[in-house]
Full PDB file with SEQRES, HELIX, SHEET, SSBOND, CRYST1, ORIGX, SCALE, CONECT and MASTER records, all heavy atoms in Angstrom:
SEQRES   1 A   30  ALA LEU PHE PHE PHE PHE LEU LEU CYS PHE PHE LEU LEU          
SEQRES   2 A   30  VAL THR ILE VAL ARG CYS ALA HIS LEU VAL LEU ASP PRO          
SEQRES   3 A   30  TYR SER ALA VAL                                              
HELIX    1 AA1 LEU A    2  LEU A   24  1                                  23    
HELIX    2 AA2 PRO A   26  ALA A   29  1                                   4    
CRYST1    1.000    1.000    1.000  90.00  90.00  90.00 P 1           1          
ORIGX1      1.000000  0.000000  0.000000        0.00000                         
ORIGX2      0.000000  1.000000  0.000000        0.00000                         
ORIGX3      0.000000  0.000000  1.000000        0.00000                         
SCALE1      1.000000  0.000000  0.000000        0.00000                         
SCALE2      0.000000  1.000000  0.000000        0.00000                         
SCALE3      0.000000  0.000000  1.000000        0.00000                         
ATOM      1  N   ALA A   1      92.879  60.239  85.083  1.00  0.00           N  
ATOM      2  CA  ALA A   1      94.247  59.858  85.432  1.00  0.00           C  
ATOM      3  C   ALA A   1      94.908  60.936  86.295  1.00  0.00           C  
ATOM      4  O   ALA A   1      95.559  60.623  87.295  1.00  0.00           O  
ATOM      5  CB  ALA A   1      95.066  59.613  84.162  1.00  0.00           C  
ATOM      6  N   LEU A   2      94.742  62.184  85.932  1.00  0.00           N  
ATOM      7  CA  LEU A   2      95.333  63.263  86.717  1.00  0.00           C  
ATOM      8  C   LEU A   2      94.686  63.381  88.091  1.00  0.00           C  
ATOM      9  O   LEU A   2      95.368  63.619  89.084  1.00  0.00           O  
ATOM     10  CB  LEU A   2      95.216  64.591  85.966  1.00  0.00           C  
ATOM     11  CG  LEU A   2      96.121  64.742  84.749  1.00  0.00           C  
ATOM     12  CD1 LEU A   2      95.832  66.060  84.039  1.00  0.00           C  
ATOM     13  CD2 LEU A   2      97.573  64.652  85.156  1.00  0.00           C  
ATOM     14  N   PHE A   3      93.365  63.191  88.150  1.00  0.00           N  
ATOM     15  CA  PHE A   3      92.681  63.255  89.432  1.00  0.00           C  
ATOM     16  C   PHE A   3      93.218  62.196  90.386  1.00  0.00           C  
ATOM     17  O   PHE A   3      93.568  62.492  91.524  1.00  0.00           O  
ATOM     18  CB  PHE A   3      91.172  63.068  89.251  1.00  0.00           C  
ATOM     19  CG  PHE A   3      90.435  62.907  90.548  1.00  0.00           C  
ATOM     20  CD1 PHE A   3      90.226  63.998  91.373  1.00  0.00           C  
ATOM     21  CD2 PHE A   3      89.968  61.662  90.937  1.00  0.00           C  
ATOM     22  CE1 PHE A   3      89.546  63.853  92.579  1.00  0.00           C  
ATOM     23  CE2 PHE A   3      89.291  61.509  92.138  1.00  0.00           C  
ATOM     24  CZ  PHE A   3      89.082  62.607  92.956  1.00  0.00           C  
ATOM     25  N   PHE A   4      93.315  60.951  89.942  1.00  0.00           N  
ATOM     26  CA  PHE A   4      93.800  59.891  90.809  1.00  0.00           C  
ATOM     27  C   PHE A   4      95.292  60.026  91.093  1.00  0.00           C  
ATOM     28  O   PHE A   4      95.755  59.660  92.175  1.00  0.00           O  
ATOM     29  CB  PHE A   4      93.478  58.515  90.223  1.00  0.00           C  
ATOM     30  CG  PHE A   4      92.028  58.161  90.378  1.00  0.00           C  
ATOM     31  CD1 PHE A   4      91.193  58.082  89.276  1.00  0.00           C  
ATOM     32  CD2 PHE A   4      91.488  57.921  91.631  1.00  0.00           C  
ATOM     33  CE1 PHE A   4      89.862  57.762  89.418  1.00  0.00           C  
ATOM     34  CE2 PHE A   4      90.159  57.605  91.790  1.00  0.00           C  
ATOM     35  CZ  PHE A   4      89.340  57.521  90.672  1.00  0.00           C  
ATOM     36  N   PHE A   5      96.043  60.578  90.159  1.00  0.00           N  
ATOM     37  CA  PHE A   5      97.462  60.821  90.398  1.00  0.00           C  
ATOM     38  C   PHE A   5      97.648  61.847  91.519  1.00  0.00           C  
ATOM     39  O   PHE A   5      98.449  61.638  92.432  1.00  0.00           O  
ATOM     40  CB  PHE A   5      98.140  61.299  89.111  1.00  0.00           C  
ATOM     41  CG  PHE A   5      99.577  61.676  89.309  1.00  0.00           C  
ATOM     42  CD1 PHE A   5     100.542  60.700  89.499  1.00  0.00           C  
ATOM     43  CD2 PHE A   5      99.958  63.009  89.317  1.00  0.00           C  
ATOM     44  CE1 PHE A   5     101.870  61.048  89.694  1.00  0.00           C  
ATOM     45  CE2 PHE A   5     101.282  63.368  89.506  1.00  0.00           C  
ATOM     46  CZ  PHE A   5     102.236  62.383  89.693  1.00  0.00           C  
ATOM     47  N   PHE A   6      96.906  62.948  91.458  1.00  0.00           N  
ATOM     48  CA  PHE A   6      97.021  63.968  92.500  1.00  0.00           C  
ATOM     49  C   PHE A   6      96.461  63.471  93.831  1.00  0.00           C  
ATOM     50  O   PHE A   6      96.975  63.821  94.891  1.00  0.00           O  
ATOM     51  CB  PHE A   6      96.335  65.268  92.074  1.00  0.00           C  
ATOM     52  CG  PHE A   6      97.100  66.009  91.012  1.00  0.00           C  
ATOM     53  CD1 PHE A   6      96.502  66.340  89.806  1.00  0.00           C  
ATOM     54  CD2 PHE A   6      98.428  66.353  91.203  1.00  0.00           C  
ATOM     55  CE1 PHE A   6      97.211  67.016  88.825  1.00  0.00           C  
ATOM     56  CE2 PHE A   6      99.149  67.031  90.231  1.00  0.00           C  
ATOM     57  CZ  PHE A   6      98.527  67.362  89.040  1.00  0.00           C  
ATOM     58  N   LEU A   7      95.434  62.633  93.784  1.00  0.00           N  
ATOM     59  CA  LEU A   7      94.917  62.038  95.012  1.00  0.00           C  
ATOM     60  C   LEU A   7      95.966  61.123  95.645  1.00  0.00           C  
ATOM     61  O   LEU A   7      96.184  61.148  96.858  1.00  0.00           O  
ATOM     62  CB  LEU A   7      93.639  61.255  94.705  1.00  0.00           C  
ATOM     63  CG  LEU A   7      92.866  60.702  95.898  1.00  0.00           C  
ATOM     64  CD1 LEU A   7      92.300  61.854  96.735  1.00  0.00           C  
ATOM     65  CD2 LEU A   7      91.760  59.790  95.424  1.00  0.00           C  
ATOM     66  N   LEU A   8      96.645  60.342  94.825  1.00  0.00           N  
ATOM     67  CA  LEU A   8      97.716  59.478  95.312  1.00  0.00           C  
ATOM     68  C   LEU A   8      98.864  60.300  95.886  1.00  0.00           C  
ATOM     69  O   LEU A   8      99.403  59.967  96.949  1.00  0.00           O  
ATOM     70  CB  LEU A   8      98.220  58.592  94.167  1.00  0.00           C  
ATOM     71  CG  LEU A   8      99.302  57.580  94.502  1.00  0.00           C  
ATOM     72  CD1 LEU A   8      98.729  56.490  95.402  1.00  0.00           C  
ATOM     73  CD2 LEU A   8      99.853  56.969  93.239  1.00  0.00           C  
ATOM     74  N   CYS A   9      99.227  61.383  95.229  1.00  0.00           N  
ATOM     75  CA  CYS A   9     100.287  62.259  95.745  1.00  0.00           C  
ATOM     76  C   CYS A   9      99.884  62.882  97.076  1.00  0.00           C  
ATOM     77  O   CYS A   9     100.711  63.016  97.976  1.00  0.00           O  
ATOM     78  CB  CYS A   9     100.612  63.359  94.734  1.00  0.00           C  
ATOM     79  SG  CYS A   9     101.481  62.749  93.290  1.00  0.00           S  
ATOM     80  N   PHE A  10      98.609  63.244  97.214  1.00  0.00           N  
ATOM     81  CA  PHE A  10      98.132  63.807  98.476  1.00  0.00           C  
ATOM     82  C   PHE A  10      98.252  62.793  99.603  1.00  0.00           C  
ATOM     83  O   PHE A  10      98.749  63.106 100.687  1.00  0.00           O  
ATOM     84  CB  PHE A  10      96.678  64.263  98.318  1.00  0.00           C  
ATOM     85  CG  PHE A  10      96.059  64.721  99.601  1.00  0.00           C  
ATOM     86  CD1 PHE A  10      96.424  65.932 100.173  1.00  0.00           C  
ATOM     87  CD2 PHE A  10      95.117  63.931 100.237  1.00  0.00           C  
ATOM     88  CE1 PHE A  10      95.852  66.354 101.363  1.00  0.00           C  
ATOM     89  CE2 PHE A  10      94.536  64.340 101.421  1.00  0.00           C  
ATOM     90  CZ  PHE A  10      94.907  65.558 101.991  1.00  0.00           C  
ATOM     91  N   PHE A  11      97.812  61.550  99.361  1.00  0.00           N  
ATOM     92  CA  PHE A  11      97.918  60.517 100.394  1.00  0.00           C  
ATOM     93  C   PHE A  11      99.379  60.200 100.713  1.00  0.00           C  
ATOM     94  O   PHE A  11      99.724  59.933 101.862  1.00  0.00           O  
ATOM     95  CB  PHE A  11      97.171  59.248  99.981  1.00  0.00           C  
ATOM     96  CG  PHE A  11      95.680  59.381 100.113  1.00  0.00           C  
ATOM     97  CD1 PHE A  11      94.859  59.015  99.073  1.00  0.00           C  
ATOM     98  CD2 PHE A  11      95.110  59.861 101.280  1.00  0.00           C  
ATOM     99  CE1 PHE A  11      93.485  59.125  99.184  1.00  0.00           C  
ATOM    100  CE2 PHE A  11      93.737  59.984 101.407  1.00  0.00           C  
ATOM    101  CZ  PHE A  11      92.917  59.610 100.351  1.00  0.00           C  
ATOM    102  N   LEU A  12     100.235  60.232  99.716  1.00  0.00           N  
ATOM    103  CA  LEU A  12     101.656  60.007  99.955  1.00  0.00           C  
ATOM    104  C   LEU A  12     102.232  61.119 100.831  1.00  0.00           C  
ATOM    105  O   LEU A  12     102.996  60.850 101.766  1.00  0.00           O  
ATOM    106  CB  LEU A  12     102.407  59.936  98.623  1.00  0.00           C  
ATOM    107  CG  LEU A  12     103.915  59.720  98.707  1.00  0.00           C  
ATOM    108  CD1 LEU A  12     104.222  58.356  99.325  1.00  0.00           C  
ATOM    109  CD2 LEU A  12     104.538  59.828  97.335  1.00  0.00           C  
ATOM    110  N   LEU A  13     101.856  62.347 100.564  1.00  0.00           N  
ATOM    111  CA  LEU A  13     102.333  63.470 101.363  1.00  0.00           C  
ATOM    112  C   LEU A  13     101.838  63.359 102.802  1.00  0.00           C  
ATOM    113  O   LEU A  13     102.597  63.584 103.749  1.00  0.00           O  
ATOM    114  CB  LEU A  13     101.862  64.779 100.733  1.00  0.00           C  
ATOM    115  CG  LEU A  13     102.329  66.057 101.402  1.00  0.00           C  
ATOM    116  CD1 LEU A  13     103.845  66.189 101.274  1.00  0.00           C  
ATOM    117  CD2 LEU A  13     101.651  67.255 100.781  1.00  0.00           C  
ATOM    118  N   VAL A  14     100.577  62.981 102.989  1.00  0.00           N  
ATOM    119  CA  VAL A  14     100.034  62.811 104.341  1.00  0.00           C  
ATOM    120  C   VAL A  14     100.780  61.706 105.078  1.00  0.00           C  
ATOM    121  O   VAL A  14     101.123  61.831 106.255  1.00  0.00           O  
ATOM    122  CB  VAL A  14      98.522  62.518 104.278  1.00  0.00           C  
ATOM    123  CG1 VAL A  14      97.992  62.064 105.635  1.00  0.00           C  
ATOM    124  CG2 VAL A  14      97.766  63.746 103.800  1.00  0.00           C  
ATOM    125  N   THR A  15     101.076  60.611 104.378  1.00  0.00           N  
ATOM    126  CA  THR A  15     101.799  59.501 104.994  1.00  0.00           C  
ATOM    127  C   THR A  15     103.216  59.919 105.381  1.00  0.00           C  
ATOM    128  O   THR A  15     103.696  59.556 106.458  1.00  0.00           O  
ATOM    129  CB  THR A  15     101.851  58.306 104.026  1.00  0.00           C  
ATOM    130  OG1 THR A  15     100.511  57.952 103.659  1.00  0.00           O  
ATOM    131  CG2 THR A  15     102.528  57.112 104.659  1.00  0.00           C  
ATOM    132  N   ILE A  16     103.874  60.676 104.538  1.00  0.00           N  
ATOM    133  CA  ILE A  16     105.231  61.150 104.841  1.00  0.00           C  
ATOM    134  C   ILE A  16     105.219  62.041 106.075  1.00  0.00           C  
ATOM    135  O   ILE A  16     106.068  61.909 106.962  1.00  0.00           O  
ATOM    136  CB  ILE A  16     105.831  61.887 103.627  1.00  0.00           C  
ATOM    137  CG1 ILE A  16     106.151  60.889 102.515  1.00  0.00           C  
ATOM    138  CG2 ILE A  16     107.072  62.673 104.016  1.00  0.00           C  
ATOM    139  CD1 ILE A  16     106.540  61.540 101.206  1.00  0.00           C  
ATOM    140  N   VAL A  17     104.234  62.930 106.164  1.00  0.00           N  
ATOM    141  CA  VAL A  17     104.151  63.826 107.320  1.00  0.00           C  
ATOM    142  C   VAL A  17     103.873  63.031 108.590  1.00  0.00           C  
ATOM    143  O   VAL A  17     104.491  63.274 109.636  1.00  0.00           O  
ATOM    144  CB  VAL A  17     103.064  64.897 107.082  1.00  0.00           C  
ATOM    145  CG1 VAL A  17     102.758  65.673 108.360  1.00  0.00           C  
ATOM    146  CG2 VAL A  17     103.493  65.844 105.974  1.00  0.00           C  
ATOM    147  N   ARG A  18     102.977  62.051 108.527  1.00  0.00           N  
ATOM    148  CA  ARG A  18     102.676  61.260 109.725  1.00  0.00           C  
ATOM    149  C   ARG A  18     103.876  60.417 110.147  1.00  0.00           C  
ATOM    150  O   ARG A  18     104.148  60.277 111.347  1.00  0.00           O  
ATOM    151  CB  ARG A  18     101.477  60.360 109.465  1.00  0.00           C  
ATOM    152  CG  ARG A  18     100.177  61.157 109.354  1.00  0.00           C  
ATOM    153  CD  ARG A  18      98.984  60.279 109.323  1.00  0.00           C  
ATOM    154  NE  ARG A  18      98.859  59.572 110.596  1.00  0.00           N  
ATOM    155  CZ  ARG A  18      97.978  58.626 110.830  1.00  0.00           C  
ATOM    156  NH1 ARG A  18      97.139  58.265 109.888  1.00  0.00           N  
ATOM    157  NH2 ARG A  18      97.919  58.040 112.005  1.00  0.00           N  
ATOM    158  N   CYS A  19     104.597  59.852 109.192  1.00  0.00           N  
ATOM    159  CA  CYS A  19     105.789  59.066 109.533  1.00  0.00           C  
ATOM    160  C   CYS A  19     106.880  59.961 110.125  1.00  0.00           C  
ATOM    161  O   CYS A  19     107.567  59.558 111.062  1.00  0.00           O  
ATOM    162  CB  CYS A  19     106.309  58.329 108.309  1.00  0.00           C  
ATOM    163  SG  CYS A  19     105.266  56.955 107.817  1.00  0.00           S  
ATOM    164  N   ALA A  20     107.045  61.148 109.573  1.00  0.00           N  
ATOM    165  CA  ALA A  20     108.041  62.075 110.120  1.00  0.00           C  
ATOM    166  C   ALA A  20     107.669  62.471 111.540  1.00  0.00           C  
ATOM    167  O   ALA A  20     108.533  62.561 112.412  1.00  0.00           O  
ATOM    168  CB  ALA A  20     108.149  63.305 109.229  1.00  0.00           C  
ATOM    169  N   HIS A  21     106.389  62.683 111.786  1.00  0.00           N  
ATOM    170  CA  HIS A  21     105.939  63.011 113.140  1.00  0.00           C  
ATOM    171  C   HIS A  21     106.204  61.851 114.086  1.00  0.00           C  
ATOM    172  O   HIS A  21     106.605  62.049 115.234  1.00  0.00           O  
ATOM    173  CB  HIS A  21     104.445  63.364 113.117  1.00  0.00           C  
ATOM    174  CG  HIS A  21     103.913  63.785 114.440  1.00  0.00           C  
ATOM    175  ND1 HIS A  21     103.216  62.945 115.259  1.00  0.00           N  
ATOM    176  CD2 HIS A  21     103.998  64.966 115.088  1.00  0.00           C  
ATOM    177  CE1 HIS A  21     102.894  63.582 116.360  1.00  0.00           C  
ATOM    178  NE2 HIS A  21     103.352  64.814 116.286  1.00  0.00           N  
ATOM    179  N   LEU A  22     105.996  60.637 113.621  1.00  0.00           N  
ATOM    180  CA  LEU A  22     106.246  59.453 114.445  1.00  0.00           C  
ATOM    181  C   LEU A  22     107.728  59.308 114.757  1.00  0.00           C  
ATOM    182  O   LEU A  22     108.107  58.968 115.875  1.00  0.00           O  
ATOM    183  CB  LEU A  22     105.736  58.202 113.730  1.00  0.00           C  
ATOM    184  CG  LEU A  22     105.954  56.868 114.441  1.00  0.00           C  
ATOM    185  CD1 LEU A  22     105.139  56.818 115.715  1.00  0.00           C  
ATOM    186  CD2 LEU A  22     105.575  55.727 113.529  1.00  0.00           C  
ATOM    187  N   VAL A  23     108.588  59.587 113.795  1.00  0.00           N  
ATOM    188  CA  VAL A  23     110.033  59.473 114.010  1.00  0.00           C  
ATOM    189  C   VAL A  23     110.524  60.547 114.977  1.00  0.00           C  
ATOM    190  O   VAL A  23     111.349  60.283 115.850  1.00  0.00           O  
ATOM    191  CB  VAL A  23     110.780  59.564 112.661  1.00  0.00           C  
ATOM    192  CG1 VAL A  23     112.266  59.754 112.863  1.00  0.00           C  
ATOM    193  CG2 VAL A  23     110.511  58.316 111.828  1.00  0.00           C  
ATOM    194  N   LEU A  24     109.996  61.758 114.847  1.00  0.00           N  
ATOM    195  CA  LEU A  24     110.454  62.850 115.702  1.00  0.00           C  
ATOM    196  C   LEU A  24     109.950  62.720 117.140  1.00  0.00           C  
ATOM    197  O   LEU A  24     110.662  63.062 118.081  1.00  0.00           O  
ATOM    198  CB  LEU A  24     110.000  64.196 115.126  1.00  0.00           C  
ATOM    199  CG  LEU A  24     110.648  64.575 113.805  1.00  0.00           C  
ATOM    200  CD1 LEU A  24     110.040  65.873 113.284  1.00  0.00           C  
ATOM    201  CD2 LEU A  24     112.153  64.724 113.963  1.00  0.00           C  
ATOM    202  N   ASP A  25     108.742  62.227 117.324  1.00  0.00           N  
ATOM    203  CA  ASP A  25     108.177  62.120 118.667  1.00  0.00           C  
ATOM    204  C   ASP A  25     107.379  60.817 118.776  1.00  0.00           C  
ATOM    205  O   ASP A  25     106.153  60.823 118.663  1.00  0.00           O  
ATOM    206  CB  ASP A  25     107.280  63.327 118.951  1.00  0.00           C  
ATOM    207  CG  ASP A  25     106.924  63.431 120.415  1.00  0.00           C  
ATOM    208  OD1 ASP A  25     107.491  62.676 121.224  1.00  0.00           O  
ATOM    209  OD2 ASP A  25     106.071  64.272 120.738  1.00  0.00           O  
ATOM    210  N   PRO A  26     108.065  59.690 118.968  1.00  0.00           N  
ATOM    211  CA  PRO A  26     107.367  58.396 118.922  1.00  0.00           C  
ATOM    212  C   PRO A  26     106.405  58.174 120.086  1.00  0.00           C  
ATOM    213  O   PRO A  26     105.422  57.470 119.940  1.00  0.00           O  
ATOM    214  CB  PRO A  26     108.498  57.369 118.955  1.00  0.00           C  
ATOM    215  CG  PRO A  26     109.658  58.087 119.512  1.00  0.00           C  
ATOM    216  CD  PRO A  26     109.488  59.531 119.171  1.00  0.00           C  
ATOM    217  N   TYR A  27     106.646  58.772 121.233  1.00  0.00           N  
ATOM    218  CA  TYR A  27     105.795  58.504 122.391  1.00  0.00           C  
ATOM    219  C   TYR A  27     104.452  59.218 122.308  1.00  0.00           C  
ATOM    220  O   TYR A  27     103.487  58.776 122.908  1.00  0.00           O  
ATOM    221  CB  TYR A  27     106.524  58.886 123.678  1.00  0.00           C  
ATOM    222  CG  TYR A  27     107.732  58.019 123.887  1.00  0.00           C  
ATOM    223  CD1 TYR A  27     109.007  58.540 123.748  1.00  0.00           C  
ATOM    224  CD2 TYR A  27     107.596  56.667 124.190  1.00  0.00           C  
ATOM    225  CE1 TYR A  27     110.122  57.742 123.916  1.00  0.00           C  
ATOM    226  CE2 TYR A  27     108.709  55.860 124.356  1.00  0.00           C  
ATOM    227  CZ  TYR A  27     109.963  56.401 124.225  1.00  0.00           C  
ATOM    228  OH  TYR A  27     111.057  55.604 124.370  1.00  0.00           O  
ATOM    229  N   SER A  28     104.384  60.312 121.585  1.00  0.00           N  
ATOM    230  CA  SER A  28     103.099  61.000 121.454  1.00  0.00           C  
ATOM    231  C   SER A  28     102.170  60.265 120.497  1.00  0.00           C  
ATOM    232  O   SER A  28     100.966  60.470 120.530  1.00  0.00           O  
ATOM    233  CB  SER A  28     103.307  62.430 120.960  1.00  0.00           C  
ATOM    234  OG  SER A  28     103.759  62.427 119.628  1.00  0.00           O  
ATOM    235  N   ALA A  29     102.710  59.402 119.647  1.00  0.00           N  
ATOM    236  CA  ALA A  29     101.877  58.680 118.691  1.00  0.00           C  
ATOM    237  C   ALA A  29     101.137  57.518 119.350  1.00  0.00           C  
ATOM    238  O   ALA A  29     100.135  57.053 118.827  1.00  0.00           O  
ATOM    239  CB  ALA A  29     102.736  58.161 117.541  1.00  0.00           C  
ATOM    240  N   VAL A  30     101.613  57.044 120.495  1.00  0.00           N  
ATOM    241  CA  VAL A  30     100.953  55.955 121.199  1.00  0.00           C  
ATOM    242  C   VAL A  30      99.839  56.553 122.038  1.00  0.00           C  
ATOM    243  O   VAL A  30     100.055  57.492 122.798  1.00  0.00           O  
ATOM    244  CB  VAL A  30     101.960  55.204 122.096  1.00  0.00           C  
ATOM    245  CG1 VAL A  30     101.266  54.122 122.890  1.00  0.00           C  
ATOM    246  CG2 VAL A  30     103.081  54.625 121.280  1.00  0.00           C  
TER     247      VAL A  30                                                      
MASTER        0    0    0    2    0    0    0    6  246    1    0    3          
END                                                                             
């Protein structure tokens, strides 16, 4: 349970960083 919880938190953190990058500079993501 802890392993999958931390794995889920890691993917959530990666998604947040990628979305923030997309919001800050949308043209570089294309």
